[in-house]
């Protein structure tokens, strides 16, 4: 099969479908090379969901009947609103740049593709306040430069894509030399790998090559994804006890059974399982085939969503002039933010990064004149900012990168007419809190000078990994010791879904014994994956 010299809209669309298929096959491998070992919205998953939204928007608008320019413009709008997580937001800007580079083009040839690639790289850089080299920005730029520098006298689409993919691969391998944390962890940049995979997929689609087998995810990782949050089903958690338990085998059985948002951690004697499925039965049956299943917890996410949506719709008609939206997970935290004045809640956080469209819709409903958004997660901030660009006069994003920062800002929220003063008060409150997060490592890695293995209890203080310990309680106390320092006065302890029942009574006494001048407040948050969160003021 001879590769085409030009692509009309149908051929371009088909090539993108191949690229999307190739990305789906590589998603877990991309997720596995995230540097930080915390359960979060992984890079591969967020990029995939953004790509799906982009591709779906082009079909929904019927742009396949027009030129390539109309098709890519529809894709850009879909990516903008469908972007999830930092990697998804940056990818959406690349799609926007691609569309701008193809403006006025009915079809795509070598010169149009070269211009579009350069435009994609430029748009991504311009969208980031402080671009960091060694990331997906670098890979996109160097891929475009590699294609432009190719000295082929009469370039074809195939030769341009060959040069692009080759340059992208070289760039990905260089990322550890540009970012020390990548070198310490022994990985390349996950976002950069995602860009290279996407470009490879486009090349496969254009030249008509069969897709090769995808690479396996590196050893020492836990499958942890967020694709299941596109819909609703049952959240199932349990422990499996036995001898010689095979974590990877159980994860595969659950995946083959249709499970997603999967987390399997532990050792050969005990495994902790978290999975989302259409029905709970297959999830527990899978565990029972490996050992004794205990401590089963099942939540009907569809019922929870319907209940929340009904309340949301009811409240929408009574929205105040100035609203407050919190992005948060956990029944207790949703109640806490509501009690502090939040007029809108977006279900999201670790492993479940909402789209920019989700955030935008909630913001427009929460306040009739202006709305403040509390992202409450470092991987949601850029998404919220992208949503705000659609209504800049009506939406302000508060720099709350953690739940504890968001709670402090919500306490300071007093609706009024002076929007600038409210914004300043909320920002000051959010940035004045030191944040402690305790969770389990979901991959083997070394970061911030700390070596961790799957299942270790780990603690982060203000986003920096500080230590690994044997128990979550030890991790919490180590993190609090640093966060409290010499001047901490108030500790807000947020108990997650996995916190033991006695923690609400035992931990405040333990903390106050170690820090006599500190007052401890407890919030039953119910958040997943993080048994303990704490804010120190």
Protein backbone atom coordinates (compact mmCIF):
# COMPACT_ATOMS: atom_id res chain seq x y z
CA UNK A 1 0.00 0.00 0.00
CA UNK A 2 1.43 3.36 -1.07
CA UNK A 3 0.98 6.08 1.55
CA UNK A 4 -1.14 9.01 0.33
CA UNK A 5 0.43 12.36 -0.50
CA UNK A 6 -2.54 14.30 0.83
CA UNK A 7 -5.31 13.58 3.33
CA UNK A 8 -8.88 14.70 2.89
CA UNK A 9 -11.12 14.93 5.95
CA UNK A 10 -12.18 11.28 5.85
CA UNK A 11 -8.60 10.03 5.54
CA UNK A 12 -7.40 12.40 8.25
CA UNK A 13 -10.21 11.22 10.53
CA UNK A 14 -9.33 7.57 9.88
CA UNK A 15 -5.67 8.23 10.69
CA UNK A 16 -6.65 9.89 13.96
CA UNK A 17 -8.78 6.88 14.87
CA UNK A 18 -5.70 4.68 14.48
CA UNK A 19 -3.71 7.12 16.61
CA UNK A 20 -6.40 6.95 19.30
CA UNK A 21 -6.39 3.14 19.18
CA UNK A 22 -2.59 3.10 19.55
CA UNK A 23 -2.80 5.50 22.48
CA UNK A 24 -5.39 3.31 24.21
CA UNK A 25 -3.06 0.32 23.88
CA UNK A 26 -0.22 2.32 25.45
CA UNK A 27 -2.21 4.04 28.17
CA UNK A 28 -1.18 1.76 31.04
CA UNK A 29 2.49 1.91 30.08
CA UNK A 30 2.28 5.72 30.07
CA UNK A 31 0.50 5.75 33.43
CA UNK A 32 3.16 3.48 34.89
CA UNK A 33 5.99 5.97 34.35
CA UNK A 34 4.42 8.80 36.31
CA UNK A 35 7.13 9.96 38.71
CA UNK A 36 5.12 10.38 41.89
CA UNK A 37 3.90 7.13 43.50
CA UNK A 38 0.61 8.61 44.69
CA UNK A 39 -2.82 7.57 43.38
CA UNK A 40 -3.82 10.44 41.12
CA UNK A 41 -5.23 11.27 37.71
CA UNK A 42 -2.54 9.50 35.70
CA UNK A 43 -1.07 11.10 32.60
CA UNK A 44 -2.04 8.40 30.12
CA UNK A 45 -5.64 8.29 31.33
CA UNK A 46 -6.09 12.06 31.30
CA UNK A 47 -4.61 12.38 27.82
CA UNK A 48 -6.80 9.53 26.55
CA UNK A 49 -10.00 11.05 27.96
CA UNK A 50 -9.07 14.41 26.43
CA UNK A 51 -8.45 12.76 23.05
CA UNK A 52 -11.77 10.92 23.21
CA UNK A 53 -13.63 14.15 23.97
CA UNK A 54 -11.84 15.88 21.11
CA UNK A 55 -12.62 13.14 18.61
CA UNK A 56 -16.24 12.84 19.79
CA UNK A 57 -16.82 16.58 19.36
CA UNK A 58 -15.83 16.43 15.70
CA UNK A 59 -18.36 13.67 15.08
CA UNK A 60 -21.09 15.40 17.08
CA UNK A 61 -20.72 18.59 15.06
CA UNK A 62 -20.81 16.71 11.77
CA UNK A 63 -17.59 18.42 10.73
CA UNK A 64 -16.50 15.38 8.75
CA UNK A 65 -18.59 16.75 5.87
CA UNK A 66 -16.38 19.85 5.56
CA UNK A 67 -12.68 20.43 5.17
CA UNK A 68 -9.90 19.36 7.48
CA UNK A 69 -9.90 22.86 8.96
CA UNK A 70 -13.51 22.57 10.16
CA UNK A 71 -12.83 19.07 11.46
CA UNK A 72 -9.82 20.12 13.54
CA UNK A 73 -11.58 23.25 14.82
CA UNK A 74 -14.34 21.04 16.19
CA UNK A 75 -11.71 18.78 17.71
CA UNK A 76 -10.06 21.77 19.38
CA UNK A 77 -13.32 22.87 21.00
CA UNK A 78 -13.97 19.33 22.21
CA UNK A 79 -10.46 19.06 23.64
CA UNK A 80 -10.77 22.43 25.37
CA UNK A 81 -13.90 21.42 27.30
CA UNK A 82 -12.95 17.75 27.64
CA UNK A 83 -9.44 18.36 28.99
CA UNK A 84 -8.64 16.56 32.25
CA UNK A 85 -5.59 17.05 34.41
CA UNK A 86 -2.51 19.08 33.59
CA UNK A 87 -1.44 16.76 30.78
CA UNK A 88 -4.91 16.89 29.22
CA UNK A 89 -5.00 20.69 29.34
CA UNK A 90 -1.60 20.97 27.64
CA UNK A 91 -2.67 18.39 25.06
CA UNK A 92 -5.84 20.39 24.38
CA UNK A 93 -3.68 23.41 23.62
CA UNK A 94 -1.66 21.32 21.17
CA UNK A 95 -4.90 20.36 19.42
CA UNK A 96 -5.88 24.03 19.33
CA UNK A 97 -2.53 24.91 17.76
CA UNK A 98 -2.94 22.10 15.23
CA UNK A 99 -6.32 23.52 14.22
CA UNK A 100 -4.91 27.04 13.93
CA UNK A 101 -2.10 25.72 11.75
CA UNK A 102 -4.61 24.06 9.42
CA UNK A 103 -6.96 27.03 9.17
CA UNK A 104 -8.15 27.40 5.59
CA UNK A 105 -6.93 23.93 4.57
CA UNK A 106 -9.43 21.65 2.90
CA UNK A 107 -6.94 18.79 3.06
CA UNK A 108 -3.47 18.07 4.45
CA UNK A 109 -0.20 17.64 2.61
CA UNK A 110 3.41 17.69 3.80
CA UNK A 111 3.70 21.49 4.03
CA UNK A 112 0.38 21.86 5.86
CA UNK A 113 1.37 19.14 8.32
CA UNK A 114 4.73 20.80 9.02
CA UNK A 115 3.03 24.11 9.73
CA UNK A 116 0.41 22.47 11.94
CA UNK A 117 3.03 20.67 14.03
CA UNK A 118 4.93 23.90 14.62
CA UNK A 119 1.70 25.66 15.53
CA UNK A 120 0.79 22.88 17.99
CA UNK A 121 4.11 23.25 19.79
CA UNK A 122 3.87 27.03 19.90
CA UNK A 123 0.31 27.02 21.26
CA UNK A 124 1.22 24.62 24.06
CA UNK A 125 4.17 26.73 25.19
CA UNK A 126 2.12 29.92 25.14
CA UNK A 127 -0.56 28.34 27.34
CA UNK A 128 1.81 27.53 30.21
CA UNK A 129 2.84 30.40 32.48
CA UNK A 130 6.24 28.87 33.29
CA UNK A 131 7.19 26.25 30.69
CA UNK A 132 9.41 23.46 32.02
CA UNK A 133 11.82 21.68 29.71
CA UNK A 134 11.97 17.90 29.82
CA UNK A 135 8.19 17.62 29.60
CA UNK A 136 5.61 17.06 26.87
CA UNK A 137 6.19 20.66 25.80
CA UNK A 138 9.80 19.84 24.90
CA UNK A 139 8.88 16.65 23.06
CA UNK A 140 6.24 18.38 20.92
CA UNK A 141 8.60 21.25 20.08
CA UNK A 142 11.56 19.01 19.23
CA UNK A 143 9.34 16.68 17.20
CA UNK A 144 8.18 19.64 15.09
CA UNK A 145 11.74 20.94 14.77
CA UNK A 146 12.94 17.50 13.71
CA UNK A 147 10.34 17.33 10.98
CA UNK A 148 11.19 20.82 9.73
CA UNK A 149 14.94 20.10 9.75
CA UNK A 150 14.54 16.98 7.60
CA UNK A 151 16.50 17.64 4.40
CA UNK A 152 14.36 15.48 2.14
CA UNK A 153 14.23 17.35 -1.18
CA UNK A 154 10.59 16.58 -1.88
CA UNK A 155 9.03 15.52 1.45
CA UNK A 156 5.99 13.28 1.56
CA UNK A 157 3.52 12.84 4.36
CA UNK A 158 5.30 9.60 5.23
CA UNK A 159 8.75 11.21 5.36
CA UNK A 160 7.48 14.12 7.46
CA UNK A 161 5.90 11.73 9.95
CA UNK A 162 8.99 9.50 9.97
CA UNK A 163 11.14 12.51 10.88
CA UNK A 164 8.59 13.71 13.44
CA UNK A 165 8.38 10.38 15.27
CA UNK A 166 12.15 9.89 15.18
CA UNK A 167 12.74 13.33 16.72
CA UNK A 168 10.02 12.73 19.31
CA UNK A 169 11.62 9.47 20.40
CA UNK A 170 15.04 11.09 20.77
CA UNK A 171 13.45 13.91 22.75
CA UNK A 172 11.66 11.51 25.11
CA UNK A 173 14.91 9.71 25.87
CA UNK A 174 16.53 13.07 26.70
CA UNK A 175 13.90 14.13 29.23
CA UNK A 176 15.73 12.63 32.26
CA UNK A 177 18.75 14.80 31.43
CA UNK A 178 16.56 17.90 31.59
CA UNK A 179 14.56 17.02 34.72
CA UNK A 180 16.56 15.62 37.65
CA UNK A 181 13.47 14.08 39.26
CA UNK A 182 12.98 11.91 36.18
CA UNK A 183 16.60 10.75 36.38
CA UNK A 184 16.25 9.96 40.08
CA UNK A 185 13.13 7.90 39.40
CA UNK A 186 14.71 6.15 36.42
CA UNK A 187 11.91 7.07 34.01
CA UNK A 188 11.24 9.32 31.05
CA UNK A 189 8.54 11.98 31.14
CA UNK A 190 5.08 10.42 30.96
CA UNK A 191 3.52 13.35 29.09
CA UNK A 192 6.38 13.36 26.60
CA UNK A 193 5.91 9.64 26.07
CA UNK A 194 2.22 10.30 25.47
CA UNK A 195 3.03 12.86 22.76
CA UNK A 196 5.43 10.43 21.08
CA UNK A 197 2.83 7.63 21.17
CA UNK A 198 0.20 9.92 19.65
CA UNK A 199 2.53 10.93 16.82
CA UNK A 200 3.46 7.28 16.26
CA UNK A 201 -0.21 6.38 16.03
CA UNK A 202 -0.82 9.13 13.49
CA UNK A 203 2.05 7.79 11.41
CA UNK A 204 0.65 4.24 11.58
CA UNK A 205 -2.71 5.58 10.45
CA UNK A 206 -1.35 7.57 7.53
CA UNK A 207 1.01 4.96 6.09
CA UNK A 208 -1.40 2.07 6.70
CA UNK A 209 0.89 -0.06 8.90
CA UNK A 210 -0.59 -2.63 11.26
CA UNK A 211 -0.22 -1.66 14.89
CA UNK A 212 2.52 -3.57 16.72
CA UNK A 213 1.94 -5.13 20.16
CA UNK A 214 1.92 -2.44 22.86
CA UNK A 215 4.78 -2.35 25.37
CA UNK A 216 4.14 -3.93 28.77
CA UNK A 217 3.80 -1.66 31.78
CA UNK A 218 7.05 -1.63 33.78
CA UNK A 219 7.35 -4.03 36.70
CA UNK A 220 6.60 -2.47 40.06
CA UNK A 221 3.41 -0.60 39.27
CA UNK A 222 -0.22 -0.81 40.24
CA UNK A 223 -2.95 -0.48 37.67
CA UNK A 224 -4.77 2.66 38.71
CA UNK A 225 -6.98 4.43 36.24
CA UNK A 226 -9.79 6.90 35.94
CA UNK A 227 -11.52 5.91 32.72
CA UNK A 228 -14.39 4.38 34.66
CA UNK A 229 -15.42 7.80 35.87
CA UNK A 230 -16.90 8.50 32.46
CA UNK A 231 -19.92 6.55 33.68
CA UNK A 232 -21.32 5.22 36.95
CA UNK A 233 -21.55 1.80 38.47
CA UNK A 234 -20.49 0.23 41.76
CA UNK A 235 -17.41 1.04 43.81
CA UNK A 236 -16.22 -2.20 45.43
CA UNK A 237 -13.48 -2.51 48.04
CA UNK A 238 -12.30 -5.57 49.96
CA UNK A 239 -9.34 -7.46 51.40
CA UNK A 240 -8.16 -10.83 50.09
CA UNK A 241 -6.23 -13.11 52.47
CA UNK A 242 -4.37 -16.23 51.47
CA UNK A 243 -1.01 -17.73 50.56
CA UNK A 244 1.16 -16.81 47.56
CA UNK A 245 -1.37 -14.26 46.31
CA UNK A 246 -0.61 -12.98 42.82
CA UNK A 247 -1.43 -9.27 42.68
CA UNK A 248 -0.90 -8.93 38.93
CA UNK A 249 -3.05 -11.96 38.18
CA UNK A 250 -5.94 -10.64 40.28
CA UNK A 251 -5.63 -7.23 38.62
CA UNK A 252 -5.86 -8.91 35.20
CA UNK A 253 -8.94 -10.93 36.17
CA UNK A 254 -10.67 -7.78 37.38
CA UNK A 255 -9.69 -5.86 34.24
CA UNK A 256 -10.88 -8.66 31.97
CA UNK A 257 -14.19 -8.64 33.87
CA UNK A 258 -14.69 -4.99 32.95
CA UNK A 259 -13.25 -3.37 36.05
CA UNK A 260 -11.71 0.08 36.03
CA UNK A 261 -10.43 2.67 38.51
CA UNK A 262 -8.52 -0.37 39.72
CA UNK A 263 -6.14 -0.39 42.66
CA UNK A 264 -4.59 -3.63 43.92
CA UNK A 265 -1.90 -3.28 46.58
CA UNK A 266 -0.40 -5.51 49.22
CA UNK A 267 1.77 -8.61 49.48
CA UNK A 268 1.52 -12.34 48.91
CA UNK A 269 -0.61 -12.81 52.06
CA UNK A 270 -3.01 -9.84 51.94
CA UNK A 271 -4.25 -7.72 49.04
CA UNK A 272 -6.39 -4.58 49.22
CA UNK A 273 -8.66 -4.17 46.19
CA UNK A 274 -10.52 -1.08 44.97
CA UNK A 275 -12.43 -1.38 41.67
CA UNK A 276 -15.36 0.16 39.81
CA UNK A 277 -17.65 -2.27 37.94
CA UNK A 278 -21.12 -2.39 36.46
CA UNK A 279 -22.13 -4.94 39.12
CA UNK A 280 -20.43 -5.87 42.42
CA UNK A 281 -20.78 -9.64 42.10
CA UNK A 282 -17.99 -10.25 39.56
CA UNK A 283 -15.64 -8.07 41.59
CA UNK A 284 -16.00 -10.08 44.80
CA UNK A 285 -16.06 -13.37 42.87
CA UNK A 286 -12.70 -12.52 41.35
CA UNK A 287 -11.23 -11.95 44.79
CA UNK A 288 -12.77 -15.14 46.17
CA UNK A 289 -11.06 -17.15 43.43
CA UNK A 290 -7.71 -16.12 44.93
CA UNK A 291 -8.39 -16.30 48.67
CA UNK A 292 -10.71 -15.36 51.51
CA UNK A 293 -12.56 -12.08 50.90
CA UNK A 294 -13.12 -9.83 53.93
CA UNK A 295 -14.24 -6.28 54.78
CA UNK A 296 -16.33 -5.90 51.63
CA UNK A 297 -17.68 -2.40 50.99
CA UNK A 298 -19.99 -1.65 48.04
CA UNK A 299 -21.23 1.80 47.02
CA UNK A 300 -23.79 2.43 44.28
CA UNK A 301 -22.14 5.31 42.42
CA UNK A 302 -25.07 5.74 40.06
CA UNK A 303 -27.47 6.23 42.97
CA UNK A 304 -25.05 8.65 44.59
CA UNK A 305 -24.70 10.55 41.35
CA UNK A 306 -28.45 10.69 40.78
CA UNK A 307 -29.03 11.91 44.32
CA UNK A 308 -26.38 14.56 43.97
CA UNK A 309 -27.61 15.62 40.52
CA UNK A 310 -31.17 15.97 41.78
CA UNK A 311 -30.03 18.20 44.62
CA UNK A 312 -27.80 20.12 42.25
CA UNK A 313 -30.64 20.80 39.83
CA UNK A 314 -32.92 21.86 42.68
CA UNK A 315 -30.33 24.27 44.02
CA UNK A 316 -29.49 25.67 40.59
CA UNK A 317 -32.66 27.73 40.38
CA UNK A 318 -31.84 29.45 43.66
CA UNK A 319 -28.22 30.27 42.86
CA UNK A 320 -26.95 33.38 44.67
CA UNK A 321 -25.23 36.26 42.85
CA UNK A 322 -21.79 35.10 44.04
CA UNK A 323 -21.21 31.36 44.13
CA UNK A 324 -18.51 28.97 45.26
CA UNK A 325 -17.66 25.64 43.56
CA UNK A 326 -15.54 22.94 45.20
CA UNK A 327 -14.01 20.00 43.34
CA UNK A 328 -13.99 17.23 45.91
CA UNK A 329 -14.52 13.52 46.63
CA UNK A 330 -15.97 11.91 49.73
CA UNK A 331 -19.42 12.32 51.25
CA UNK A 332 -18.10 14.02 54.37
CA UNK A 333 -16.06 16.55 52.42
CA UNK A 334 -18.98 17.34 50.14
CA UNK A 335 -21.09 18.10 53.21
CA UNK A 336 -18.28 20.12 54.78
CA UNK A 337 -17.90 22.36 51.73
CA UNK A 338 -21.67 22.77 51.45
CA UNK A 339 -21.82 23.79 55.10
CA UNK A 340 -19.10 26.37 54.47
CA UNK A 341 -21.08 28.00 51.67
CA UNK A 342 -20.27 26.07 48.50
CA UNK A 343 -23.18 26.40 46.08
CA UNK A 344 -21.78 23.87 43.65
CA UNK A 345 -19.87 20.59 43.99
CA UNK A 346 -17.94 18.84 41.22
CA UNK A 347 -17.16 15.20 41.94
CA UNK A 348 -13.43 14.95 41.44
CA UNK A 349 -9.97 14.70 42.90
CA UNK A 350 -7.31 11.99 43.02
CA UNK A 351 -7.82 9.38 40.23
CA UNK A 352 -10.94 11.24 39.09
CA UNK A 353 -9.94 14.50 37.44
CA UNK A 354 -13.03 16.30 36.08
CA UNK A 355 -13.12 17.84 32.63
CA UNK A 356 -12.99 21.56 32.01
CA UNK A 357 -16.56 21.29 30.74
CA UNK A 358 -17.71 19.72 34.02
CA UNK A 359 -16.13 22.57 35.98
CA UNK A 360 -17.48 25.24 33.64
CA UNK A 361 -21.04 23.92 33.83
CA UNK A 362 -20.96 23.82 37.63
CA UNK A 363 -19.49 27.32 37.85
CA UNK A 364 -22.18 28.85 35.63
CA UNK A 365 -24.89 27.26 37.76
CA UNK A 366 -23.40 28.10 41.15
CA UNK A 367 -23.52 31.89 40.86
CA UNK A 368 -25.66 34.18 38.71
CA UNK A 369 -23.05 36.96 38.55
CA UNK A 370 -19.72 35.48 39.63
CA UNK A 371 -18.33 32.15 40.84
CA UNK A 372 -15.13 31.20 42.63
CA UNK A 373 -13.68 27.74 41.97
CA UNK A 374 -11.70 25.71 44.51
CA UNK A 375 -9.82 23.02 42.50
CA UNK A 376 -8.53 21.33 45.69
CA UNK A 377 -6.00 19.24 43.75
CA UNK A 378 -2.79 20.23 41.96
CA UNK A 379 -3.87 18.20 38.93
CA UNK A 380 -7.19 20.07 38.66
CA UNK A 381 -5.90 23.65 38.83
CA UNK A 382 -5.07 23.95 35.12
CA UNK A 383 -8.41 22.36 34.21
CA UNK A 384 -10.26 24.93 36.31
CA UNK A 385 -8.23 27.73 34.76
CA UNK A 386 -9.10 26.46 31.29
CA UNK A 387 -12.78 26.45 32.23
CA UNK A 388 -12.45 30.02 33.48
CA UNK A 389 -11.08 31.21 30.11
CA UNK A 390 -14.55 30.58 28.66
CA UNK A 391 -16.17 33.07 31.05
CA UNK A 392 -13.32 35.21 32.42
CA UNK A 393 -15.62 37.92 33.73
CA UNK A 394 -17.75 35.44 35.67
CA UNK A 395 -15.25 32.92 37.02
CA UNK A 396 -12.23 33.21 39.32
CA UNK A 397 -10.00 30.24 40.15
CA UNK A 398 -8.64 30.20 43.70
CA UNK A 399 -5.10 28.70 43.95
CA UNK A 400 -6.19 25.85 46.24
CA UNK A 401 -4.01 22.85 45.32
CA UNK A 402 -5.22 20.61 48.15
CA UNK A 403 -8.41 19.82 50.03
CA UNK A 404 -7.01 21.44 53.17
CA UNK A 405 -6.24 24.64 51.27
CA UNK A 406 -9.75 24.57 49.82
CA UNK A 407 -11.35 24.18 53.24
CA UNK A 408 -9.35 27.14 54.57
CA UNK A 409 -10.48 29.23 51.61
CA UNK A 410 -14.10 28.16 52.08
CA UNK A 411 -13.95 29.28 55.71
CA UNK A 412 -12.83 32.70 54.46
CA UNK A 413 -15.62 32.90 51.86
CA UNK A 414 -17.98 35.78 52.61
CA UNK A 415 -20.14 36.66 49.57
CA UNK A 416 -20.31 40.32 48.67
CA UNK A 417 -20.07 42.86 45.88
CA UNK A 418 -16.30 43.39 46.00
CA UNK A 419 -15.12 40.45 43.87
CA UNK A 420 -11.47 41.47 43.99
CA UNK A 421 -11.44 41.56 47.79
CA UNK A 422 -13.13 38.14 48.00
CA UNK A 423 -10.57 36.71 45.57
CA UNK A 424 -7.71 38.12 47.63
CA UNK A 425 -9.12 36.77 50.89
CA UNK A 426 -9.65 33.29 49.45
CA UNK A 427 -6.18 33.19 47.88
CA UNK A 428 -4.53 34.32 51.11
CA UNK A 429 -6.36 31.66 53.11
CA UNK A 430 -5.57 28.89 50.61
CA UNK A 431 -1.86 29.64 50.48
CA UNK A 432 -1.44 30.02 54.25
CA UNK A 433 -2.07 26.33 55.01
CA UNK A 434 0.60 23.63 55.11
CA UNK A 435 -0.71 20.40 53.63
CA UNK A 436 0.00 16.83 54.78
CA UNK A 437 -1.13 13.83 52.71
CA UNK A 438 -0.86 10.17 53.70
CA UNK A 439 -1.47 7.40 51.19
CA UNK A 440 -0.06 4.10 49.85
CA UNK A 441 2.60 4.04 47.14
CA UNK A 442 1.19 2.75 43.86
CA UNK A 443 4.52 2.24 42.10
CA UNK A 444 8.14 1.48 42.89
CA UNK A 445 10.22 4.61 42.44
CA UNK A 446 12.69 7.04 43.94
CA UNK A 447 11.60 10.66 44.13
CA UNK A 448 12.61 13.62 46.28
CA UNK A 449 15.42 11.40 47.56
CA UNK A 450 12.99 8.83 49.02
CA UNK A 451 12.90 5.25 47.68
CA UNK A 452 9.47 3.59 47.94
CA UNK A 453 7.88 0.32 46.97
CA UNK A 454 4.27 -0.55 46.21
CA UNK A 455 2.14 -0.67 49.34
CA UNK A 456 4.43 1.48 51.48
CA UNK A 457 2.74 4.11 53.59
CA UNK A 458 4.06 7.46 52.40
CA UNK A 459 3.63 11.07 53.46
CA UNK A 460 3.84 14.25 51.40
CA UNK A 461 4.16 17.72 52.86
CA UNK A 462 3.16 20.55 50.55
CA UNK A 463 3.41 18.18 47.60
CA UNK A 464 6.92 16.89 48.39
CA UNK A 465 7.45 13.24 49.28
CA UNK A 466 9.04 13.19 52.73
CA UNK A 467 9.14 9.61 53.97
CA UNK A 468 7.97 6.02 53.72
CA UNK A 469 6.82 4.23 56.87
CA UNK A 470 5.32 0.95 58.00
CA UNK A 471 1.92 2.40 58.91
CA UNK A 472 -0.24 5.34 57.82
CA UNK A 473 -0.26 6.63 61.40
CA UNK A 474 3.54 6.79 61.50
CA UNK A 475 3.49 8.64 58.18
CA UNK A 476 0.94 11.12 59.51
CA UNK A 477 2.96 11.91 62.62
CA UNK A 478 6.16 12.41 60.62
CA UNK A 479 4.40 14.75 58.22
CA UNK A 480 2.75 16.73 60.99
CA UNK A 481 6.05 17.14 62.84
CA UNK A 482 7.46 18.96 59.82
CA UNK A 483 4.32 20.91 58.98
CA UNK A 484 3.70 22.11 62.54
CA UNK A 485 7.30 23.18 63.10
CA UNK A 486 7.63 25.95 65.67
CA UNK A 487 4.55 27.99 64.86
CA UNK A 488 1.68 25.64 63.92
CA UNK A 489 -1.40 26.24 66.04
CA UNK A 490 -4.35 24.43 64.46
CA UNK A 491 -4.41 21.01 62.79
CA UNK A 492 -7.43 20.06 60.71
CA UNK A 493 -7.34 16.27 60.39
CA UNK A 494 -9.47 14.82 57.58
CA UNK A 495 -10.22 11.11 57.89
CA UNK A 496 -10.61 9.15 54.67
CA UNK A 497 -12.75 6.16 53.80
CA UNK A 498 -9.94 3.78 54.76
CA UNK A 499 -9.16 5.34 58.14
CA UNK A 500 -9.83 2.99 61.09
CA UNK A 501 -12.95 3.67 63.14
CA UNK A 502 -10.98 4.50 66.28
CA UNK A 503 -8.88 7.16 64.50
CA UNK A 504 -11.33 9.97 65.29
CA UNK A 505 -10.72 9.47 69.01
CA UNK A 506 -7.16 8.16 69.17
CA UNK A 507 -5.32 10.43 66.74
CA UNK A 508 -6.21 13.82 68.26
CA UNK A 509 -4.85 12.62 71.62
CA UNK A 510 -1.71 11.32 69.94
CA UNK A 511 -1.15 14.57 68.03
CA UNK A 512 -1.78 16.80 71.04
CA UNK A 513 0.55 14.69 73.17
CA UNK A 514 3.35 15.21 70.66
CA UNK A 515 2.46 18.88 70.11
CA UNK A 516 0.91 20.27 73.32
CA UNK A 517 0.34 23.77 71.92
CA UNK A 518 -1.69 22.54 68.95
CA UNK A 519 -5.48 22.33 68.71
CA UNK A 520 -6.84 19.44 66.62
CA UNK A 521 -10.09 19.53 64.68
CA UNK A 522 -11.41 16.36 63.01
CA UNK A 523 -13.41 16.17 59.78
CA UNK A 524 -14.92 12.86 58.63
CA UNK A 525 -14.07 13.38 54.98
CA UNK A 526 -14.63 9.93 53.48
CA UNK A 527 -12.19 10.60 50.63
CA UNK A 528 -10.76 7.55 48.80
CA UNK A 529 -7.10 6.53 48.62
CA UNK A 530 -5.90 9.00 51.28
CA UNK A 531 -6.72 7.73 54.81
CA UNK A 532 -5.37 10.94 56.32
CA UNK A 533 -5.17 14.51 55.10
CA UNK A 534 -4.17 17.32 57.41
CA UNK A 535 -3.91 21.08 57.16
CA UNK A 536 -1.73 23.07 59.54
CA UNK A 537 -2.34 26.75 60.27
